[in-house]
Amino acid sequence: MPKVTYTSSKGLFQESGTGEVNLSGQGVLFGQLAKTEAITATTALASTDTGKIFFVDPTAATLITLPALAPSLKGWYCRFVLTENETGNAQAMDAKVNIDLGAGTANVGQLHELDGGAGDYLVSGDDFVTFSANASAGDRVDIFTDGNRYYVYGFVKEIAECNFHTAAR
């Protein structure tokens, strides 16, 4: 097995010789936790929010604005999960959530319904992912970008309560 070494000055690199494989689950490359954050009100995200899982439980209608697309944003991604911490019941969010993808960009995406409906496909002019006040805890979308457009994929309980739209609900 090639010898692989990590140093703070060089990072991870291969050296001549042989090395051992550490499968114990210990060390700097093990045990990393996902970055998480709660969203309860209108917020604008930044490029530094990449890689986060956002647990969304709004107290009132909420607008989440994604960072403006730019080549430097290539690789940015996040996940939104509706939580409704009080009950966790289906179709009980009690407040609308809108995710603003930015106007005038040909974004791409799909939402799949768990109740067996047809789902929804993001088309030109759809600038928002919208969740009604009847959306369900556990509804989620993953969003990432190549710097030119956003790609949105999600799973929801009821497509009538979560879809792509030309405007916020």
N, C-alpha and C. Protein backbone atom coordinates (compact mmCIF):
# COMPACT_ATOMS: atom_id res chain seq x y z
N MET A 1 0.85 -1.18 0.00
CA MET A 1 0.00 0.00 0.00
C MET A 1 0.89 1.24 0.00
N PRO A 2 0.65 2.21 -0.87
CA PRO A 2 1.46 3.43 -0.88
C PRO A 2 1.37 4.15 0.46
N LYS A 3 2.40 4.85 0.80
CA LYS A 3 2.42 5.61 2.05
C LYS A 3 1.82 6.99 1.78
N VAL A 4 0.76 7.31 2.50
CA VAL A 4 0.09 8.60 2.36
C VAL A 4 0.28 9.34 3.68
N THR A 5 0.69 10.59 3.57
CA THR A 5 1.00 11.40 4.75
C THR A 5 0.23 12.71 4.69
N TYR A 6 -0.10 13.24 5.85
CA TYR A 6 -0.75 14.54 5.94
C TYR A 6 0.09 15.45 6.83
N THR A 7 0.37 16.66 6.32
CA THR A 7 0.99 17.69 7.13
C THR A 7 0.24 18.98 6.90
N SER A 8 0.30 19.88 7.86
CA SER A 8 -0.41 21.15 7.70
C SER A 8 0.21 22.01 6.60
N SER A 9 1.47 21.84 6.32
CA SER A 9 2.11 22.65 5.28
C SER A 9 1.87 22.10 3.88
N LYS A 10 1.83 20.76 3.70
CA LYS A 10 1.66 20.16 2.38
C LYS A 10 0.27 19.61 2.14
N GLY A 11 -0.48 19.34 3.19
CA GLY A 11 -1.78 18.68 3.03
C GLY A 11 -1.58 17.18 2.92
N LEU A 12 -2.44 16.52 2.18
CA LEU A 12 -2.38 15.07 1.99
C LEU A 12 -1.54 14.78 0.76
N PHE A 13 -0.49 13.93 0.91
CA PHE A 13 0.37 13.63 -0.23
C PHE A 13 0.93 12.22 -0.11
N GLN A 14 1.39 11.67 -1.23
CA GLN A 14 1.94 10.32 -1.27
C GLN A 14 3.46 10.39 -1.22
N GLU A 15 4.06 9.46 -0.44
CA GLU A 15 5.51 9.36 -0.33
C GLU A 15 5.93 7.98 -0.81
N SER A 16 7.23 7.83 -1.04
CA SER A 16 7.73 6.50 -1.39
C SER A 16 7.72 5.63 -0.14
N GLY A 17 7.64 4.34 -0.36
CA GLY A 17 7.61 3.41 0.76
C GLY A 17 6.22 2.82 0.92
N THR A 18 6.00 2.13 2.01
CA THR A 18 4.71 1.51 2.26
C THR A 18 4.14 2.08 3.54
N GLY A 19 2.83 2.04 3.61
CA GLY A 19 2.15 2.58 4.78
C GLY A 19 1.08 1.63 5.27
N GLU A 20 0.45 2.01 6.35
CA GLU A 20 -0.63 1.21 6.94
C GLU A 20 -1.94 1.93 6.73
N VAL A 21 -3.02 1.16 6.68
CA VAL A 21 -4.36 1.73 6.56
C VAL A 21 -4.98 1.76 7.94
N ASN A 22 -5.43 2.94 8.36
CA ASN A 22 -6.06 3.10 9.67
C ASN A 22 -7.57 3.02 9.48
N LEU A 23 -8.17 1.92 9.88
CA LEU A 23 -9.62 1.75 9.78
C LEU A 23 -10.29 1.87 11.14
N SER A 24 -9.63 2.44 12.10
CA SER A 24 -10.15 2.50 13.47
C SER A 24 -11.18 3.60 13.66
N GLY A 25 -11.31 4.51 12.67
CA GLY A 25 -12.23 5.63 12.84
C GLY A 25 -11.63 6.76 13.65
N GLN A 26 -10.34 6.76 13.82
CA GLN A 26 -9.65 7.79 14.59
C GLN A 26 -8.76 8.60 13.64
N GLY A 27 -8.58 9.86 13.91
CA GLY A 27 -7.66 10.68 13.12
C GLY A 27 -8.36 11.89 12.53
N VAL A 28 -7.59 12.73 11.84
CA VAL A 28 -8.11 14.00 11.35
C VAL A 28 -9.13 13.84 10.23
N LEU A 29 -9.13 12.72 9.52
CA LEU A 29 -10.07 12.55 8.41
C LEU A 29 -11.32 11.79 8.82
N PHE A 30 -11.48 11.51 10.10
CA PHE A 30 -12.65 10.79 10.60
C PHE A 30 -13.41 11.66 11.57
N GLY A 31 -14.69 11.35 11.75
CA GLY A 31 -15.48 11.99 12.79
C GLY A 31 -15.96 13.39 12.48
N GLN A 32 -15.93 13.79 11.23
CA GLN A 32 -16.37 15.13 10.87
C GLN A 32 -17.90 15.19 10.88
N LEU A 33 -18.48 16.23 11.48
CA LEU A 33 -19.91 16.41 11.53
C LEU A 33 -20.35 17.42 10.47
N ALA A 34 -21.57 17.25 10.00
CA ALA A 34 -22.13 18.20 9.04
C ALA A 34 -22.34 19.56 9.72
N LYS A 35 -22.20 20.63 8.95
CA LYS A 35 -22.48 21.97 9.46
C LYS A 35 -23.99 22.17 9.38
N THR A 36 -24.62 22.58 10.47
CA THR A 36 -26.06 22.80 10.49
C THR A 36 -26.38 24.18 11.04
N GLU A 37 -27.56 24.66 10.66
CA GLU A 37 -28.01 25.96 11.15
C GLU A 37 -29.53 25.99 11.09
N ALA A 38 -30.15 26.63 12.06
CA ALA A 38 -31.61 26.79 12.07
C ALA A 38 -31.97 28.10 11.39
N ILE A 39 -33.06 28.06 10.62
CA ILE A 39 -33.61 29.28 10.02
C ILE A 39 -35.04 29.41 10.51
N THR A 40 -35.35 30.54 11.14
CA THR A 40 -36.70 30.79 11.66
C THR A 40 -37.33 32.05 11.08
N ALA A 41 -36.57 32.81 10.29
CA ALA A 41 -37.06 34.06 9.73
C ALA A 41 -36.33 34.33 8.41
N THR A 42 -36.77 35.36 7.71
CA THR A 42 -36.18 35.74 6.44
C THR A 42 -34.67 35.92 6.59
N THR A 43 -33.93 35.38 5.62
CA THR A 43 -32.47 35.44 5.70
C THR A 43 -31.85 35.42 4.31
N ALA A 44 -30.69 36.02 4.19
CA ALA A 44 -29.91 35.97 2.95
C ALA A 44 -28.66 35.16 3.22
N LEU A 45 -28.41 34.17 2.38
CA LEU A 45 -27.24 33.32 2.55
C LEU A 45 -26.03 33.91 1.83
N ALA A 46 -24.86 33.51 2.27
CA ALA A 46 -23.60 33.99 1.70
C ALA A 46 -22.80 32.82 1.14
N SER A 47 -21.76 33.12 0.42
CA SER A 47 -20.91 32.06 -0.12
C SER A 47 -20.32 31.20 1.00
N THR A 48 -20.14 31.77 2.17
CA THR A 48 -19.58 31.03 3.31
C THR A 48 -20.56 30.03 3.91
N ASP A 49 -21.82 30.03 3.47
CA ASP A 49 -22.82 29.08 3.96
C ASP A 49 -22.79 27.75 3.21
N THR A 50 -21.84 27.59 2.31
CA THR A 50 -21.77 26.35 1.54
C THR A 50 -21.61 25.14 2.46
N GLY A 51 -22.24 24.04 2.06
CA GLY A 51 -22.12 22.79 2.78
C GLY A 51 -23.03 22.65 3.99
N LYS A 52 -23.84 23.64 4.29
CA LYS A 52 -24.69 23.58 5.47
C LYS A 52 -26.01 22.86 5.20
N ILE A 53 -26.51 22.25 6.25
CA ILE A 53 -27.88 21.74 6.26
C ILE A 53 -28.67 22.74 7.08
N PHE A 54 -29.69 23.33 6.48
CA PHE A 54 -30.52 24.32 7.16
C PHE A 54 -31.82 23.65 7.60
N PHE A 55 -32.09 23.70 8.91
CA PHE A 55 -33.34 23.22 9.45
C PHE A 55 -34.28 24.42 9.54
N VAL A 56 -35.36 24.38 8.76
CA VAL A 56 -36.23 25.54 8.59
C VAL A 56 -37.53 25.34 9.35
N ASP A 57 -37.77 26.21 10.34
CA ASP A 57 -39.00 26.20 11.14
C ASP A 57 -39.41 27.65 11.36
N PRO A 58 -40.03 28.26 10.35
CA PRO A 58 -40.32 29.69 10.43
C PRO A 58 -41.46 30.03 11.39
N THR A 59 -41.37 31.21 11.99
CA THR A 59 -42.43 31.71 12.84
C THR A 59 -43.42 32.54 12.04
N ALA A 60 -43.05 32.94 10.83
CA ALA A 60 -43.91 33.70 9.92
C ALA A 60 -43.41 33.43 8.50
N ALA A 61 -44.11 33.95 7.51
CA ALA A 61 -43.67 33.75 6.12
C ALA A 61 -42.20 34.13 6.00
N THR A 62 -41.43 33.27 5.36
CA THR A 62 -39.98 33.41 5.34
C THR A 62 -39.45 33.36 3.92
N LEU A 63 -38.55 34.29 3.60
CA LEU A 63 -37.87 34.31 2.31
C LEU A 63 -36.39 34.01 2.56
N ILE A 64 -35.88 33.00 1.88
CA ILE A 64 -34.46 32.64 1.97
C ILE A 64 -33.84 32.98 0.62
N THR A 65 -32.89 33.88 0.61
CA THR A 65 -32.26 34.32 -0.62
C THR A 65 -30.89 33.66 -0.75
N LEU A 66 -30.67 33.00 -1.89
CA LEU A 66 -29.39 32.35 -2.15
C LEU A 66 -28.36 33.38 -2.62
N PRO A 67 -27.08 33.06 -2.51
CA PRO A 67 -26.06 33.99 -3.01
C PRO A 67 -26.20 34.22 -4.51
N ALA A 68 -25.83 35.40 -4.98
CA ALA A 68 -25.87 35.70 -6.41
C ALA A 68 -24.89 34.79 -7.14
N LEU A 69 -25.34 34.26 -8.26
CA LEU A 69 -24.49 33.37 -9.05
C LEU A 69 -23.27 34.11 -9.59
N ALA A 70 -22.15 33.41 -9.57
CA ALA A 70 -20.88 33.96 -10.09
C ALA A 70 -19.93 32.78 -10.28
N PRO A 71 -18.97 32.88 -11.19
CA PRO A 71 -18.01 31.79 -11.37
C PRO A 71 -17.33 31.36 -10.07
N SER A 72 -17.11 32.30 -9.17
CA SER A 72 -16.45 31.97 -7.90
C SER A 72 -17.33 31.13 -6.98
N LEU A 73 -18.61 31.01 -7.30
CA LEU A 73 -19.55 30.24 -6.47
C LEU A 73 -19.63 28.77 -6.91
N LYS A 74 -18.90 28.41 -7.95
CA LYS A 74 -18.91 27.04 -8.46
C LYS A 74 -18.63 26.05 -7.32
N GLY A 75 -19.51 25.06 -7.16
CA GLY A 75 -19.36 24.06 -6.11
C GLY A 75 -20.14 24.37 -4.84
N TRP A 76 -20.76 25.55 -4.75
CA TRP A 76 -21.55 25.91 -3.56
C TRP A 76 -22.76 24.98 -3.49
N TYR A 77 -23.09 24.52 -2.28
CA TYR A 77 -24.25 23.66 -2.11
C TYR A 77 -24.80 23.76 -0.69
N CYS A 78 -26.07 23.38 -0.54
CA CYS A 78 -26.70 23.32 0.77
C CYS A 78 -27.94 22.43 0.70
N ARG A 79 -28.50 22.16 1.86
CA ARG A 79 -29.74 21.38 1.96
C ARG A 79 -30.69 22.12 2.90
N PHE A 80 -31.96 22.15 2.54
CA PHE A 80 -33.00 22.72 3.39
C PHE A 80 -33.95 21.61 3.80
N VAL A 81 -34.22 21.51 5.10
CA VAL A 81 -35.15 20.53 5.63
C VAL A 81 -36.17 21.27 6.47
N LEU A 82 -37.46 21.13 6.14
CA LEU A 82 -38.52 21.72 6.97
C LEU A 82 -38.67 20.87 8.22
N THR A 83 -38.79 21.53 9.38
CA THR A 83 -38.82 20.76 10.62
C THR A 83 -40.13 20.82 11.38
N GLU A 84 -40.77 21.96 11.47
CA GLU A 84 -41.97 22.13 12.30
C GLU A 84 -41.77 21.43 13.64
N ASN A 85 -40.95 22.03 14.46
CA ASN A 85 -40.53 21.42 15.72
C ASN A 85 -41.65 21.17 16.72
N GLU A 86 -42.76 21.90 16.61
CA GLU A 86 -43.82 21.73 17.61
C GLU A 86 -44.52 20.39 17.50
N THR A 87 -44.87 19.98 16.26
CA THR A 87 -45.65 18.74 16.12
C THR A 87 -44.99 17.71 15.21
N GLY A 88 -44.29 18.18 14.19
CA GLY A 88 -43.70 17.26 13.22
C GLY A 88 -44.74 16.58 12.34
N ASN A 89 -45.97 17.07 12.37
CA ASN A 89 -47.05 16.44 11.59
C ASN A 89 -46.97 16.79 10.12
N ALA A 90 -47.56 15.91 9.30
CA ALA A 90 -47.66 16.18 7.87
C ALA A 90 -48.60 17.35 7.65
N GLN A 91 -48.26 18.18 6.67
CA GLN A 91 -49.04 19.33 6.25
C GLN A 91 -49.38 20.25 7.42
N ALA A 92 -48.35 20.59 8.21
CA ALA A 92 -48.59 21.42 9.40
C ALA A 92 -47.48 22.44 9.64
N MET A 93 -46.89 23.00 8.58
CA MET A 93 -45.79 23.96 8.78
C MET A 93 -46.27 25.27 9.39
N ASP A 94 -47.48 25.69 9.08
CA ASP A 94 -48.09 26.90 9.64
C ASP A 94 -47.51 28.21 9.11
N ALA A 95 -46.47 28.17 8.30
CA ALA A 95 -45.91 29.39 7.71
C ALA A 95 -45.28 29.05 6.37
N LYS A 96 -45.37 29.98 5.44
CA LYS A 96 -44.80 29.77 4.11
C LYS A 96 -43.29 29.94 4.12
N VAL A 97 -42.62 29.18 3.25
CA VAL A 97 -41.18 29.29 3.07
C VAL A 97 -40.92 29.42 1.57
N ASN A 98 -40.18 30.44 1.18
CA ASN A 98 -39.81 30.65 -0.22
C ASN A 98 -38.30 30.74 -0.33
N ILE A 99 -37.74 29.98 -1.26
CA ILE A 99 -36.30 30.04 -1.51
C ILE A 99 -36.11 30.74 -2.85
N ASP A 100 -35.44 31.89 -2.82
CA ASP A 100 -35.22 32.72 -4.01
C ASP A 100 -33.95 32.28 -4.73
N LEU A 101 -34.13 31.76 -5.95
CA LEU A 101 -33.01 31.29 -6.77
C LEU A 101 -32.37 32.40 -7.59
N GLY A 102 -32.98 33.59 -7.57
CA GLY A 102 -32.49 34.70 -8.38
C GLY A 102 -33.24 34.78 -9.69
N ALA A 103 -33.50 35.96 -10.15
CA ALA A 103 -34.29 36.16 -11.37
C ALA A 103 -33.45 36.04 -12.63
N GLY A 104 -34.08 35.52 -13.67
CA GLY A 104 -33.49 35.53 -15.00
C GLY A 104 -32.45 34.47 -15.28
N THR A 105 -32.38 33.43 -14.48
CA THR A 105 -31.41 32.37 -14.71
C THR A 105 -32.14 31.08 -15.07
N ALA A 106 -31.62 30.34 -16.02
CA ALA A 106 -32.24 29.08 -16.43
C ALA A 106 -31.79 27.97 -15.48
N ASN A 107 -32.40 27.95 -14.30
CA ASN A 107 -32.07 26.93 -13.30
C ASN A 107 -32.65 25.59 -13.71
N VAL A 108 -32.19 24.52 -13.09
CA VAL A 108 -32.60 23.16 -13.43
C VAL A 108 -32.98 22.44 -12.14
N GLY A 109 -34.03 21.61 -12.20
CA GLY A 109 -34.33 20.84 -11.00
C GLY A 109 -35.59 20.02 -11.09
N GLN A 110 -35.77 19.18 -10.09
CA GLN A 110 -36.94 18.31 -9.99
C GLN A 110 -37.34 18.18 -8.53
N LEU A 111 -38.65 18.11 -8.30
CA LEU A 111 -39.20 17.78 -6.99
C LEU A 111 -39.99 16.49 -7.15
N HIS A 112 -39.79 15.57 -6.25
CA HIS A 112 -40.48 14.28 -6.30
C HIS A 112 -41.42 14.18 -5.11
N GLU A 113 -42.65 13.76 -5.39
CA GLU A 113 -43.66 13.64 -4.35
C GLU A 113 -43.69 12.23 -3.78
N LEU A 114 -43.72 12.13 -2.48
CA LEU A 114 -43.73 10.82 -1.83
C LEU A 114 -45.11 10.18 -1.82
N ASP A 115 -46.17 10.98 -2.01
CA ASP A 115 -47.53 10.44 -2.03
C ASP A 115 -47.91 9.86 -3.39
N GLY A 116 -46.96 9.81 -4.33
CA GLY A 116 -47.22 9.18 -5.62
C GLY A 116 -47.63 10.11 -6.74
N GLY A 117 -47.63 11.41 -6.51
CA GLY A 117 -47.98 12.37 -7.55
C GLY A 117 -46.87 12.51 -8.57
N ALA A 118 -47.13 13.33 -9.58
CA ALA A 118 -46.22 13.47 -10.71
C ALA A 118 -44.96 14.26 -10.39
N GLY A 119 -44.95 15.05 -9.34
CA GLY A 119 -43.78 15.87 -9.04
C GLY A 119 -43.81 17.17 -9.82
N ASP A 120 -42.68 17.86 -9.82
CA ASP A 120 -42.59 19.15 -10.51
C ASP A 120 -41.20 19.29 -11.11
N TYR A 121 -41.13 19.98 -12.25
CA TYR A 121 -39.87 20.19 -12.96
C TYR A 121 -39.63 21.68 -13.07
N LEU A 122 -38.44 22.14 -12.74
CA LEU A 122 -38.10 23.55 -12.80
C LEU A 122 -37.94 23.98 -14.25
N VAL A 123 -38.70 24.99 -14.68
CA VAL A 123 -38.65 25.47 -16.06
C VAL A 123 -38.22 26.94 -16.07
N SER A 124 -37.93 27.44 -17.26
CA SER A 124 -37.53 28.84 -17.43
C SER A 124 -38.56 29.75 -16.79
N GLY A 125 -38.11 30.69 -16.00
CA GLY A 125 -39.00 31.63 -15.33
C GLY A 125 -39.32 31.24 -13.90
N ASP A 126 -39.07 30.00 -13.54
CA ASP A 126 -39.27 29.58 -12.15
C ASP A 126 -38.08 30.06 -11.33
N ASP A 127 -38.31 31.08 -10.54
CA ASP A 127 -37.24 31.69 -9.76
C ASP A 127 -37.30 31.33 -8.28
N PHE A 128 -38.31 30.56 -7.88
CA PHE A 128 -38.50 30.24 -6.46
C PHE A 128 -38.82 28.77 -6.26
N VAL A 129 -38.37 28.24 -5.13
CA VAL A 129 -38.88 26.99 -4.59
C VAL A 129 -39.83 27.44 -3.49
N THR A 130 -41.09 27.04 -3.59
CA THR A 130 -42.09 27.53 -2.64
C THR A 130 -42.67 26.39 -1.81
N PHE A 131 -42.82 26.64 -0.52
CA PHE A 131 -43.46 25.72 0.41
C PHE A 131 -44.64 26.46 1.01
N SER A 132 -45.83 25.90 0.92
CA SER A 132 -47.00 26.54 1.52
C SER A 132 -47.01 26.30 3.02
N ALA A 133 -47.94 26.95 3.72
CA ALA A 133 -48.09 26.74 5.16
C ALA A 133 -48.56 25.32 5.46
N ASN A 134 -49.01 24.58 4.43
CA ASN A 134 -49.43 23.20 4.59
C ASN A 134 -48.36 22.20 4.17
N ALA A 135 -47.15 22.66 3.97
CA ALA A 135 -46.05 21.73 3.67
C ALA A 135 -45.80 20.86 4.90
N SER A 136 -44.99 19.83 4.73
CA SER A 136 -44.80 18.85 5.80
C SER A 136 -43.39 18.86 6.36
N ALA A 137 -43.30 18.57 7.64
CA ALA A 137 -41.99 18.38 8.26
C ALA A 137 -41.29 17.25 7.52
N GLY A 138 -40.03 17.44 7.22
CA GLY A 138 -39.26 16.44 6.48
C GLY A 138 -39.15 16.76 4.99
N ASP A 139 -40.01 17.63 4.46
CA ASP A 139 -39.84 18.06 3.07
C ASP A 139 -38.44 18.66 2.96
N ARG A 140 -37.75 18.35 1.86
CA ARG A 140 -36.38 18.85 1.75
C ARG A 140 -35.99 19.10 0.31
N VAL A 141 -35.02 20.01 0.13
CA VAL A 141 -34.41 20.25 -1.18
C VAL A 141 -32.90 20.38 -1.00
N ASP A 142 -32.18 19.86 -1.98
CA ASP A 142 -30.74 20.02 -2.07
C ASP A 142 -30.48 20.99 -3.22
N ILE A 143 -29.63 21.96 -3.00
CA ILE A 143 -29.34 22.97 -4.01
C ILE A 143 -27.83 23.09 -4.17
N PHE A 144 -27.37 23.09 -5.42
CA PHE A 144 -25.95 23.28 -5.69
C PHE A 144 -25.80 24.05 -6.99
N THR A 145 -24.60 24.54 -7.27
CA THR A 145 -24.40 25.37 -8.46
C THR A 145 -23.06 25.09 -9.13
N ASP A 146 -23.06 25.35 -10.44
CA ASP A 146 -21.82 25.33 -11.22
C ASP A 146 -21.32 26.76 -11.43
N GLY A 147 -21.94 27.72 -10.74
CA GLY A 147 -21.59 29.13 -10.85
C GLY A 147 -22.43 29.87 -11.87
N ASN A 148 -23.09 29.12 -12.78
CA ASN A 148 -23.93 29.73 -13.82
C ASN A 148 -25.42 29.59 -13.56
N ARG A 149 -25.80 28.53 -12.85
CA ARG A 149 -27.21 28.26 -12.54
C ARG A 149 -27.27 27.40 -11.29
N TYR A 150 -28.46 27.39 -10.68
CA TYR A 150 -28.68 26.50 -9.54
C TYR A 150 -29.34 25.22 -10.02
N TYR A 151 -28.99 24.13 -9.36
CA TYR A 151 -29.59 22.81 -9.58
C TYR A 151 -30.32 22.46 -8.29
N VAL A 152 -31.60 22.12 -8.40
CA VAL A 152 -32.44 21.90 -7.23
C VAL A 152 -33.11 20.54 -7.34
N TYR A 153 -32.92 19.71 -6.32
CA TYR A 153 -33.56 18.38 -6.30
C TYR A 153 -34.13 18.16 -4.92
N GLY A 154 -35.38 17.68 -4.88
CA GLY A 154 -35.99 17.52 -3.57
C GLY A 154 -37.02 16.42 -3.49
N PHE A 155 -37.38 16.11 -2.25
CA PHE A 155 -38.41 15.13 -1.94
C PHE A 155 -39.41 15.79 -1.00
N VAL A 156 -40.68 15.73 -1.37
CA VAL A 156 -41.72 16.36 -0.56
C VAL A 156 -42.89 15.38 -0.41
N LYS A 157 -43.67 15.59 0.63
CA LYS A 157 -44.82 14.72 0.86
C LYS A 157 -45.93 15.00 -0.15
N GLU A 158 -46.23 16.28 -0.37
CA GLU A 158 -47.36 16.67 -1.22
C GLU A 158 -46.92 17.78 -2.17
N ILE A 159 -46.89 17.49 -3.47
CA ILE A 159 -46.38 18.45 -4.45
C ILE A 159 -47.23 19.71 -4.53
N ALA A 160 -48.50 19.63 -4.19
CA ALA A 160 -49.35 20.82 -4.20
C ALA A 160 -48.90 21.83 -3.14
N GLU A 161 -48.15 21.38 -2.15
CA GLU A 161 -47.70 22.25 -1.06
C GLU A 161 -46.25 22.70 -1.22
N CYS A 162 -45.57 22.17 -2.20
CA CYS A 162 -44.17 22.53 -2.45
C CYS A 162 -43.89 22.40 -3.93
N ASN A 163 -43.55 23.50 -4.59
CA ASN A 163 -43.25 23.42 -6.01
C ASN A 163 -42.38 24.58 -6.46
N PHE A 164 -42.01 24.53 -7.73
CA PHE A 164 -41.28 25.64 -8.33
C PHE A 164 -42.28 26.66 -8.82
N HIS A 165 -41.92 27.95 -8.71
CA HIS A 165 -42.89 28.98 -9.08
C HIS A 165 -42.16 30.22 -9.59
N THR A 166 -42.89 31.05 -10.32
CA THR A 166 -42.32 32.29 -10.85
C THR A 166 -42.23 33.38 -9.80
N ALA A 167 -42.96 33.24 -8.69
CA ALA A 167 -42.94 34.25 -7.63
C ALA A 167 -43.08 33.56 -6.26
N ALA A 168 -42.76 34.30 -5.22
CA ALA A 168 -42.95 33.77 -3.87
C ALA A 168 -44.45 33.62 -3.62
N ARG A 169 -44.82 32.67 -2.75
CA ARG A 169 -46.24 32.47 -2.39
C ARG A 169 -46.70 33.55 -1.46
